[in-house]
Amino acid sequence: MNTTETDLQVTAESFTAKKMKPKTHKKAVVLFSGGLDSTTCLYWALSQGYACEALTLTYGQRHEREIRAAQKIAQKLGIKQHIIDLPLPWLAVCSLVDKKQALPDIPVEQITNAGIPSTYVPCRNLMFLAVAGSLMDATGADAIIAGPNAIDFSGYPDCTPAFYHAAANAIGLGTKQGVTQGIEVLAPLMKLSKAEIVTLGARLGVPFELTWSCYAGGEKPCGHCDSCKLRAKGFADAGVHDTSLD
């Protein structure tokens, strides 16, 4: 294991449009898919004292199994969950939506350098952040917490610090909360390896057995898609048992 539970330090990447006014309590909208990363983000947010509302979005993804995972975890935590459907037909250009397309199946060591894969969903994170910004503005929350990662990832352009900085700036300038109180978009996993994410999740008590990462959408993880391979490598490198495989 490269990083132990005791020496892992997590400093969330914070993307802000203006200085925030001091708050007596913290409230956040957490983008929550039910996967390993977003579940770790949710548990991290709760550990930091945020009152959280979870936002789960469906867009025709072939792995709808993750939505059931998100529901179970939200119910376990007793937090409010919003499930919003974005049935945009043009998203079928990607293999994550179009079941007729084959999912990439390449060696795990090649994933981060293979370019933008067919699983990239056009502007997904931009849409997600826009909906999260609307919910944040409507509920008076002062932060959006999301789980992008720019270390062990598939090269999606909407998972980078540069993208999140620009998106946070737009949300801050285009919302009532942003212009009057200041807002944050927090990405606690942005600069962590997958092994470090697993280590953090274990420390926070994330129920790995309830999370779902596989792109294929079956009842059991396929073990061949990018997400399965990166997850398996993360658990192996962290020396932690993945209870979702039991």
C-alpha atoms as a PDB file:
ATOM      1  CA  MET A   1       0.000   0.000   0.000  1.00  0.00           C
ATOM      2  CA  ASN A   2       1.463   3.311  -1.036  1.00  0.00           C
ATOM      3  CA  THR A   3      -0.487   5.486   1.402  1.00  0.00           C
ATOM      4  CA  THR A   4      -1.602   4.460   4.879  1.00  0.00           C
ATOM      5  CA  GLU A   5      -4.780   5.588   6.590  1.00  0.00           C
ATOM      6  CA  THR A   6      -2.755   7.556   9.121  1.00  0.00           C
ATOM      7  CA  ASP A   7      -0.610   9.574   6.701  1.00  0.00           C
ATOM      8  CA  LEU A   8      -3.212  10.389   4.041  1.00  0.00           C
ATOM      9  CA  GLN A   9      -4.018  14.094   4.116  1.00  0.00           C
ATOM     10  CA  VAL A  10      -6.987  15.338   2.090  1.00  0.00           C
ATOM     11  CA  THR A  11      -7.209  18.974   1.098  1.00  0.00           C
ATOM     12  CA  ALA A  12     -10.201  19.505  -1.150  1.00  0.00           C
ATOM     13  CA  GLU A  13      -9.578  21.422  -4.334  1.00  0.00           C
ATOM     14  CA  SER A  14     -11.719  24.536  -3.931  1.00  0.00           C
ATOM     15  CA  PHE A  15     -12.886  26.463  -6.983  1.00  0.00           C
ATOM     16  CA  THR A  16     -14.486  29.776  -6.023  1.00  0.00           C
ATOM     17  CA  ALA A  17     -15.735  32.856  -7.847  1.00  0.00           C
ATOM     18  CA  LYS A  18     -15.459  35.276  -4.911  1.00  0.00           C
ATOM     19  CA  LYS A  19     -14.646  35.282  -1.221  1.00  0.00           C
ATOM     20  CA  MET A  20     -17.424  33.607   0.731  1.00  0.00           C
ATOM     21  CA  LYS A  21     -19.143  35.258   3.662  1.00  0.00           C
ATOM     22  CA  PRO A  22     -18.673  33.452   7.008  1.00  0.00           C
ATOM     23  CA  LYS A  23     -21.390  30.865   7.745  1.00  0.00           C
ATOM     24  CA  THR A  24     -22.594  29.456  11.055  1.00  0.00           C
ATOM     25  CA  HIS A  25     -23.520  26.224   9.292  1.00  0.00           C
ATOM     26  CA  LYS A  26     -22.458  24.604   6.057  1.00  0.00           C
ATOM     27  CA  LYS A  27     -24.804  23.135   3.468  1.00  0.00           C
ATOM     28  CA  ALA A  28     -23.785  21.349   0.293  1.00  0.00           C
ATOM     29  CA  VAL A  29     -25.244  19.755  -2.795  1.00  0.00           C
ATOM     30  CA  VAL A  30     -23.281  16.565  -3.463  1.00  0.00           C
ATOM     31  CA  LEU A  31     -23.227  15.139  -6.981  1.00  0.00           C
ATOM     32  CA  PHE A  32     -23.835  11.499  -6.215  1.00  0.00           C
ATOM     33  CA  SER A  33     -23.871   8.576  -8.645  1.00  0.00           C
ATOM     34  CA  GLY A  34     -23.505   5.718  -6.168  1.00  0.00           C
ATOM     35  CA  GLY A  35     -19.988   4.930  -7.371  1.00  0.00           C
ATOM     36  CA  LEU A  36     -16.820   4.640  -5.329  1.00  0.00           C
ATOM     37  CA  ASP A  37     -15.680   8.226  -5.894  1.00  0.00           C
ATOM     38  CA  SER A  38     -18.961  10.063  -5.350  1.00  0.00           C
ATOM     39  CA  THR A  39     -19.795   7.952  -2.284  1.00  0.00           C
ATOM     40  CA  THR A  40     -16.410   8.771  -0.787  1.00  0.00           C
ATOM     41  CA  CYS A  41     -17.116  12.454  -1.520  1.00  0.00           C
ATOM     42  CA  LEU A  42     -20.475  12.242   0.231  1.00  0.00           C
ATOM     43  CA  TYR A  43     -18.963  10.610   3.319  1.00  0.00           C
ATOM     44  CA  TRP A  44     -16.159  13.182   3.264  1.00  0.00           C
ATOM     45  CA  ALA A  45     -18.669  16.047   3.111  1.00  0.00           C
ATOM     46  CA  LEU A  46     -20.569  14.671   6.090  1.00  0.00           C
ATOM     47  CA  SER A  47     -17.313  14.244   8.010  1.00  0.00           C
ATOM     48  CA  GLN A  48     -16.560  17.926   7.371  1.00  0.00           C
ATOM     49  CA  GLY A  49     -19.823  19.025   8.957  1.00  0.00           C
ATOM     50  CA  TYR A  50     -21.834  19.744   5.825  1.00  0.00           C
ATOM     51  CA  ALA A  51     -25.583  19.277   5.829  1.00  0.00           C
ATOM     52  CA  CYS A  52     -25.928  17.453   2.521  1.00  0.00           C
ATOM     53  CA  GLU A  53     -28.511  16.929  -0.171  1.00  0.00           C
ATOM     54  CA  ALA A  54     -27.570  14.344  -2.780  1.00  0.00           C
ATOM     55  CA  LEU A  55     -28.169  14.987  -6.477  1.00  0.00           C
ATOM     56  CA  THR A  56     -28.300  11.947  -8.745  1.00  0.00           C
ATOM     57  CA  LEU A  57     -28.767  12.335 -12.496  1.00  0.00           C
ATOM     58  CA  THR A  58     -29.815   9.771 -15.054  1.00  0.00           C
ATOM     59  CA  TYR A  59     -29.127  10.261 -18.749  1.00  0.00           C
ATOM     60  CA  GLY A  60     -29.830   6.869 -20.285  1.00  0.00           C
ATOM     61  CA  GLN A  61     -26.599   5.316 -19.022  1.00  0.00           C
ATOM     62  CA  ARG A  62     -26.331   1.581 -19.576  1.00  0.00           C
ATOM     63  CA  HIS A  63     -25.208   1.119 -15.962  1.00  0.00           C
ATOM     64  CA  GLU A  64     -28.492   2.127 -14.319  1.00  0.00           C
ATOM     65  CA  ARG A  65     -27.456  -0.246 -11.554  1.00  0.00           C
ATOM     66  CA  GLU A  66     -25.550   2.706 -10.070  1.00  0.00           C
ATOM     67  CA  ILE A  67     -28.818   4.555  -9.453  1.00  0.00           C
ATOM     68  CA  ARG A  68     -30.057   1.731  -7.221  1.00  0.00           C
ATOM     69  CA  ALA A  69     -26.736   1.863  -5.409  1.00  0.00           C
ATOM     70  CA  ALA A  70     -27.116   5.601  -4.843  1.00  0.00           C
ATOM     71  CA  GLN A  71     -30.629   5.150  -3.486  1.00  0.00           C
ATOM     72  CA  LYS A  72     -29.526   2.497  -0.994  1.00  0.00           C
ATOM     73  CA  ILE A  73     -26.641   4.610   0.274  1.00  0.00           C
ATOM     74  CA  ALA A  74     -28.751   7.772   0.586  1.00  0.00           C
ATOM     75  CA  GLN A  75     -31.363   5.802   2.517  1.00  0.00           C
ATOM     76  CA  LYS A  76     -28.673   4.322   4.769  1.00  0.00           C
ATOM     77  CA  LEU A  77     -27.400   7.818   5.573  1.00  0.00           C
ATOM     78  CA  GLY A  78     -30.884   9.292   5.913  1.00  0.00           C
ATOM     79  CA  ILE A  79     -30.177  12.204   3.597  1.00  0.00           C
ATOM     80  CA  LYS A  80     -32.454  13.810   1.025  1.00  0.00           C
ATOM     81  CA  GLN A  81     -31.812  12.654  -2.520  1.00  0.00           C
ATOM     82  CA  HIS A  82     -32.966  14.284  -5.753  1.00  0.00           C
ATOM     83  CA  ILE A  83     -33.043  12.008  -8.825  1.00  0.00           C
ATOM     84  CA  ILE A  84     -33.271  13.996 -12.056  1.00  0.00           C
ATOM     85  CA  ASP A  85     -33.631  12.525 -15.547  1.00  0.00           C
ATOM     86  CA  LEU A  86     -31.858  14.159 -18.483  1.00  0.00           C
ATOM     87  CA  PRO A  87     -33.008  12.028 -21.452  1.00  0.00           C
ATOM     88  CA  LEU A  88     -31.021  13.769 -24.167  1.00  0.00           C
ATOM     89  CA  PRO A  89     -31.119  11.575 -27.302  1.00  0.00           C
ATOM     90  CA  TRP A  90     -27.811  12.814 -28.715  1.00  0.00           C
ATOM     91  CA  LEU A  91     -25.908  11.339 -25.769  1.00  0.00           C
ATOM     92  CA  ALA A  92     -26.236   8.007 -27.564  1.00  0.00           C
ATOM     93  CA  VAL A  93     -23.097   8.920 -29.496  1.00  0.00           C
ATOM     94  CA  CYS A  94     -21.150   7.495 -26.546  1.00  0.00           C
ATOM     95  CA  SER A  95     -20.768   3.847 -25.586  1.00  0.00           C
ATOM     96  CA  LEU A  96     -21.853   4.580 -22.018  1.00  0.00           C
ATOM     97  CA  VAL A  97     -25.350   5.218 -23.366  1.00  0.00           C
ATOM     98  CA  ASP A  98     -25.504   3.255 -26.634  1.00  0.00           C
ATOM     99  CA  LYS A  99     -25.545  -0.417 -25.675  1.00  0.00           C
ATOM    100  CA  LYS A 100     -24.804  -1.402 -29.295  1.00  0.00           C
ATOM    101  CA  GLN A 101     -21.314   0.029 -28.992  1.00  0.00           C
ATOM    102  CA  ALA A 102     -18.567  -1.998 -27.395  1.00  0.00           C
ATOM    103  CA  LEU A 103     -17.022  -0.638 -24.227  1.00  0.00           C
ATOM    104  CA  PRO A 104     -13.250  -0.094 -24.307  1.00  0.00           C
ATOM    105  CA  ASP A 105     -11.239  -3.024 -22.959  1.00  0.00           C
ATOM    106  CA  ILE A 106      -7.568  -2.116 -22.734  1.00  0.00           C
ATOM    107  CA  PRO A 107      -4.812  -2.855 -20.183  1.00  0.00           C
ATOM    108  CA  VAL A 108      -5.208  -0.771 -17.032  1.00  0.00           C
ATOM    109  CA  GLU A 109      -1.752   0.775 -17.410  1.00  0.00           C
ATOM    110  CA  GLN A 110      -2.814   2.244 -20.779  1.00  0.00           C
ATOM    111  CA  ILE A 111      -6.107   3.819 -19.669  1.00  0.00           C
ATOM    112  CA  THR A 112      -4.782   7.179 -18.509  1.00  0.00           C
ATOM    113  CA  ASN A 113      -2.800   7.711 -21.724  1.00  0.00           C
ATOM    114  CA  ALA A 114      -5.227   6.346 -24.308  1.00  0.00           C
ATOM    115  CA  GLY A 115      -6.939   9.631 -25.155  1.00  0.00           C
ATOM    116  CA  ILE A 116     -10.624  10.432 -24.766  1.00  0.00           C
ATOM    117  CA  PRO A 117     -12.494   7.089 -24.886  1.00  0.00           C
ATOM    118  CA  SER A 118     -15.887   6.271 -26.372  1.00  0.00           C
ATOM    119  CA  THR A 119     -17.383   6.332 -22.849  1.00  0.00           C
ATOM    120  CA  TYR A 120     -17.031  10.125 -22.719  1.00  0.00           C
ATOM    121  CA  VAL A 121     -20.528  11.615 -22.377  1.00  0.00           C
ATOM    122  CA  PRO A 122     -20.677  15.014 -24.165  1.00  0.00           C
ATOM    123  CA  CYS A 123     -20.559  17.817 -21.578  1.00  0.00           C
ATOM    124  CA  ARG A 124     -21.878  15.534 -18.830  1.00  0.00           C
ATOM    125  CA  ASN A 125     -20.141  17.269 -15.956  1.00  0.00           C
ATOM    126  CA  LEU A 126     -21.073  20.695 -17.286  1.00  0.00           C
ATOM    127  CA  MET A 127     -24.738  19.647 -17.287  1.00  0.00           C
ATOM    128  CA  PHE A 128     -24.412  18.078 -13.854  1.00  0.00           C
ATOM    129  CA  LEU A 129     -22.817  21.180 -12.366  1.00  0.00           C
ATOM    130  CA  ALA A 130     -25.479  23.413 -13.936  1.00  0.00           C
ATOM    131  CA  VAL A 131     -28.272  21.365 -12.339  1.00  0.00           C
ATOM    132  CA  ALA A 132     -26.352  21.270  -9.054  1.00  0.00           C
ATOM    133  CA  GLY A 133     -25.942  25.051  -9.229  1.00  0.00           C
ATOM    134  CA  SER A 134     -29.684  25.477  -9.658  1.00  0.00           C
ATOM    135  CA  LEU A 135     -30.409  23.215  -6.680  1.00  0.00           C
ATOM    136  CA  MET A 136     -27.762  25.020  -4.633  1.00  0.00           C
ATOM    137  CA  ASP A 137     -29.331  28.384  -5.430  1.00  0.00           C
ATOM    138  CA  ALA A 138     -32.858  27.172  -4.661  1.00  0.00           C
ATOM    139  CA  THR A 139     -31.955  25.571  -1.319  1.00  0.00           C
ATOM    140  CA  GLY A 140     -29.513  28.190  -0.059  1.00  0.00           C
ATOM    141  CA  ALA A 141     -26.553  25.831  -0.069  1.00  0.00           C
ATOM    142  CA  ASP A 142     -23.116  27.374  -0.287  1.00  0.00           C
ATOM    143  CA  ALA A 143     -21.150  24.535  -1.858  1.00  0.00           C
ATOM    144  CA  ILE A 144     -21.285  21.915  -4.576  1.00  0.00           C
ATOM    145  CA  ILE A 145     -19.181  18.841  -3.870  1.00  0.00           C
ATOM    146  CA  ALA A 146     -18.188  16.574  -6.742  1.00  0.00           C
ATOM    147  CA  GLY A 147     -15.858  13.645  -7.281  1.00  0.00           C
ATOM    148  CA  PRO A 148     -13.749  14.301 -10.383  1.00  0.00           C
ATOM    149  CA  ASN A 149     -10.265  12.834 -10.425  1.00  0.00           C
ATOM    150  CA  ALA A 150      -7.418  13.929 -12.687  1.00  0.00           C
ATOM    151  CA  ILE A 151      -4.908  11.239 -11.674  1.00  0.00           C
ATOM    152  CA  ASP A 152      -6.317   7.720 -12.226  1.00  0.00           C
ATOM    153  CA  PHE A 153      -8.986   8.515 -14.824  1.00  0.00           C
ATOM    154  CA  SER A 154      -9.999   7.927 -18.437  1.00  0.00           C
ATOM    155  CA  GLY A 155      -8.921  11.295 -19.820  1.00  0.00           C
ATOM    156  CA  TYR A 156     -12.307  13.022 -19.823  1.00  0.00           C
ATOM    157  CA  PRO A 157     -11.820  16.763 -20.468  1.00  0.00           C
ATOM    158  CA  ASP A 158     -14.561  17.675 -17.978  1.00  0.00           C
ATOM    159  CA  CYS A 159     -12.662  16.097 -15.066  1.00  0.00           C
ATOM    160  CA  THR A 160      -9.771  18.556 -14.969  1.00  0.00           C
ATOM    161  CA  PRO A 161      -8.978  21.403 -12.552  1.00  0.00           C
ATOM    162  CA  ALA A 162      -9.126  23.893 -15.418  1.00  0.00           C
ATOM    163  CA  PHE A 163     -12.672  22.857 -16.292  1.00  0.00           C
ATOM    164  CA  TYR A 164     -13.863  22.982 -12.687  1.00  0.00           C
ATOM    165  CA  HIS A 165     -12.322  26.403 -12.156  1.00  0.00           C
ATOM    166  CA  ALA A 166     -14.193  27.763 -15.186  1.00  0.00           C
ATOM    167  CA  ALA A 167     -17.461  26.072 -14.219  1.00  0.00           C
ATOM    168  CA  ALA A 168     -17.277  27.322 -10.637  1.00  0.00           C
ATOM    169  CA  ASN A 169     -16.646  30.834 -11.895  1.00  0.00           C
ATOM    170  CA  ALA A 170     -19.728  30.668 -14.137  1.00  0.00           C
ATOM    171  CA  ILE A 171     -21.920  29.302 -11.323  1.00  0.00           C
ATOM    172  CA  GLY A 172     -20.636  31.952  -8.956  1.00  0.00           C
ATOM    173  CA  LEU A 173     -21.395  34.729 -11.412  1.00  0.00           C
ATOM    174  CA  GLY A 174     -24.751  33.367 -12.520  1.00  0.00           C
ATOM    175  CA  THR A 175     -26.495  32.512  -9.239  1.00  0.00           C
ATOM    176  CA  LYS A 176     -28.042  34.552  -6.443  1.00  0.00           C
ATOM    177  CA  GLN A 177     -25.983  32.660  -3.879  1.00  0.00           C
ATOM    178  CA  GLY A 178     -22.859  33.288  -5.881  1.00  0.00           C
ATOM    179  CA  VAL A 179     -23.198  37.034  -6.251  1.00  0.00           C
ATOM    180  CA  THR A 180     -24.550  37.722  -2.745  1.00  0.00           C
ATOM    181  CA  GLN A 181     -22.886  35.131  -0.487  1.00  0.00           C
ATOM    182  CA  GLY A 182     -20.156  33.469  -2.528  1.00  0.00           C
ATOM    183  CA  ILE A 183     -20.088  29.765  -3.365  1.00  0.00           C
ATOM    184  CA  GLU A 184     -17.561  26.952  -3.588  1.00  0.00           C
ATOM    185  CA  VAL A 185     -17.235  23.961  -5.863  1.00  0.00           C
ATOM    186  CA  LEU A 186     -15.206  21.411  -3.904  1.00  0.00           C
ATOM    187  CA  ALA A 187     -13.396  18.443  -5.442  1.00  0.00           C
ATOM    188  CA  PRO A 188     -11.752  16.509  -2.597  1.00  0.00           C
ATOM    189  CA  LEU A 189     -10.565  13.664  -4.835  1.00  0.00           C
ATOM    190  CA  MET A 190      -9.130  15.727  -7.701  1.00  0.00           C
ATOM    191  CA  LYS A 191      -5.464  15.017  -6.947  1.00  0.00           C
ATOM    192  CA  LEU A 192      -5.753  11.619  -5.231  1.00  0.00           C
ATOM    193  CA  SER A 193      -4.793   8.317  -6.799  1.00  0.00           C
ATOM    194  CA  LYS A 194      -7.444   5.613  -6.858  1.00  0.00           C
ATOM    195  CA  ALA A 195      -5.564   3.838  -4.054  1.00  0.00           C
ATOM    196  CA  GLU A 196      -5.713   7.013  -1.969  1.00  0.00           C
ATOM    197  CA  ILE A 197      -9.447   7.313  -2.667  1.00  0.00           C
ATOM    198  CA  VAL A 198      -9.951   3.743  -1.444  1.00  0.00           C
ATOM    199  CA  THR A 199      -7.841   4.468   1.641  1.00  0.00           C
ATOM    200  CA  LEU A 200      -9.887   7.594   2.369  1.00  0.00           C
ATOM    201  CA  GLY A 201     -13.132   5.682   1.853  1.00  0.00           C
ATOM    202  CA  ALA A 202     -12.024   2.978   4.264  1.00  0.00           C
ATOM    203  CA  ARG A 203     -11.098   5.598   6.860  1.00  0.00           C
ATOM    204  CA  LEU A 204     -14.510   7.266   6.492  1.00  0.00           C
ATOM    205  CA  GLY A 205     -16.432   3.987   6.738  1.00  0.00           C
ATOM    206  CA  VAL A 206     -17.722   3.963   3.159  1.00  0.00           C
ATOM    207  CA  PRO A 207     -19.838   0.818   2.591  1.00  0.00           C
ATOM    208  CA  PHE A 208     -17.921  -0.399  -0.459  1.00  0.00           C
ATOM    209  CA  GLU A 209     -20.339  -3.304  -0.850  1.00  0.00           C
ATOM    210  CA  LEU A 210     -23.150  -0.864  -1.693  1.00  0.00           C
ATOM    211  CA  THR A 211     -21.206   1.133  -4.299  1.00  0.00           C
ATOM    212  CA  TRP A 212     -21.251   0.434  -8.023  1.00  0.00           C
ATOM    213  CA  SER A 213     -18.596   1.388 -10.591  1.00  0.00           C
ATOM    214  CA  CYS A 214     -18.988  -0.979 -13.558  1.00  0.00           C
ATOM    215  CA  TYR A 215     -19.964   0.599 -16.887  1.00  0.00           C
ATOM    216  CA  ALA A 216     -21.480  -2.579 -18.331  1.00  0.00           C
ATOM    217  CA  GLY A 217     -24.631  -2.449 -16.270  1.00  0.00           C
ATOM    218  CA  GLY A 218     -25.059  -6.093 -15.295  1.00  0.00           C
ATOM    219  CA  GLU A 219     -25.842  -7.450 -11.871  1.00  0.00           C
ATOM    220  CA  LYS A 220     -22.149  -8.109 -11.214  1.00  0.00           C
ATOM    221  CA  PRO A 221     -19.108  -6.046 -12.238  1.00  0.00           C
ATOM    222  CA  CYS A 222     -17.755  -7.049 -15.648  1.00  0.00           C
ATOM    223  CA  GLY A 223     -14.095  -6.667 -14.694  1.00  0.00           C
ATOM    224  CA  HIS A 224     -13.205  -5.489 -18.213  1.00  0.00           C
ATOM    225  CA  CYS A 225     -14.305  -1.853 -18.509  1.00  0.00           C
ATOM    226  CA  ASP A 226     -12.049   1.073 -17.587  1.00  0.00           C
ATOM    227  CA  SER A 227     -13.974   1.741 -14.401  1.00  0.00           C
ATOM    228  CA  CYS A 228     -13.732  -1.848 -13.174  1.00  0.00           C
ATOM    229  CA  LYS A 229     -10.010  -2.004 -13.901  1.00  0.00           C
ATOM    230  CA  LEU A 230      -9.179   1.304 -12.227  1.00  0.00           C
ATOM    231  CA  ARG A 231     -11.253   0.317  -9.205  1.00  0.00           C
ATOM    232  CA  ALA A 232      -9.583  -3.093  -8.924  1.00  0.00           C
ATOM    233  CA  LYS A 233      -6.131  -1.522  -9.184  1.00  0.00           C
ATOM    234  CA  GLY A 234      -7.030   1.032  -6.533  1.00  0.00           C
ATOM    235  CA  PHE A 235      -8.121  -1.591  -4.033  1.00  0.00           C
ATOM    236  CA  ALA A 236      -5.105  -3.769  -4.784  1.00  0.00           C
ATOM    237  CA  ASP A 237      -2.654  -0.885  -4.432  1.00  0.00           C
ATOM    238  CA  ALA A 238      -4.331   0.231  -1.197  1.00  0.00           C
ATOM    239  CA  GLY A 239      -4.296  -3.267   0.248  1.00  0.00           C
ATOM    240  CA  VAL A 240      -8.020  -3.059   0.999  1.00  0.00           C
ATOM    241  CA  HIS A 241     -10.585  -5.760   0.271  1.00  0.00           C
ATOM    242  CA  ASP A 242     -13.392  -4.694  -2.094  1.00  0.00           C
ATOM    243  CA  THR A 243     -16.497  -6.013  -0.353  1.00  0.00           C
ATOM    244  CA  SER A 244     -18.623  -5.330  -3.445  1.00  0.00           C
ATOM    245  CA  LEU A 245     -17.141  -8.506  -4.941  1.00  0.00           C
ATOM    246  CA  ASP A 246     -18.217 -10.777  -2.070  1.00  0.00           C
END
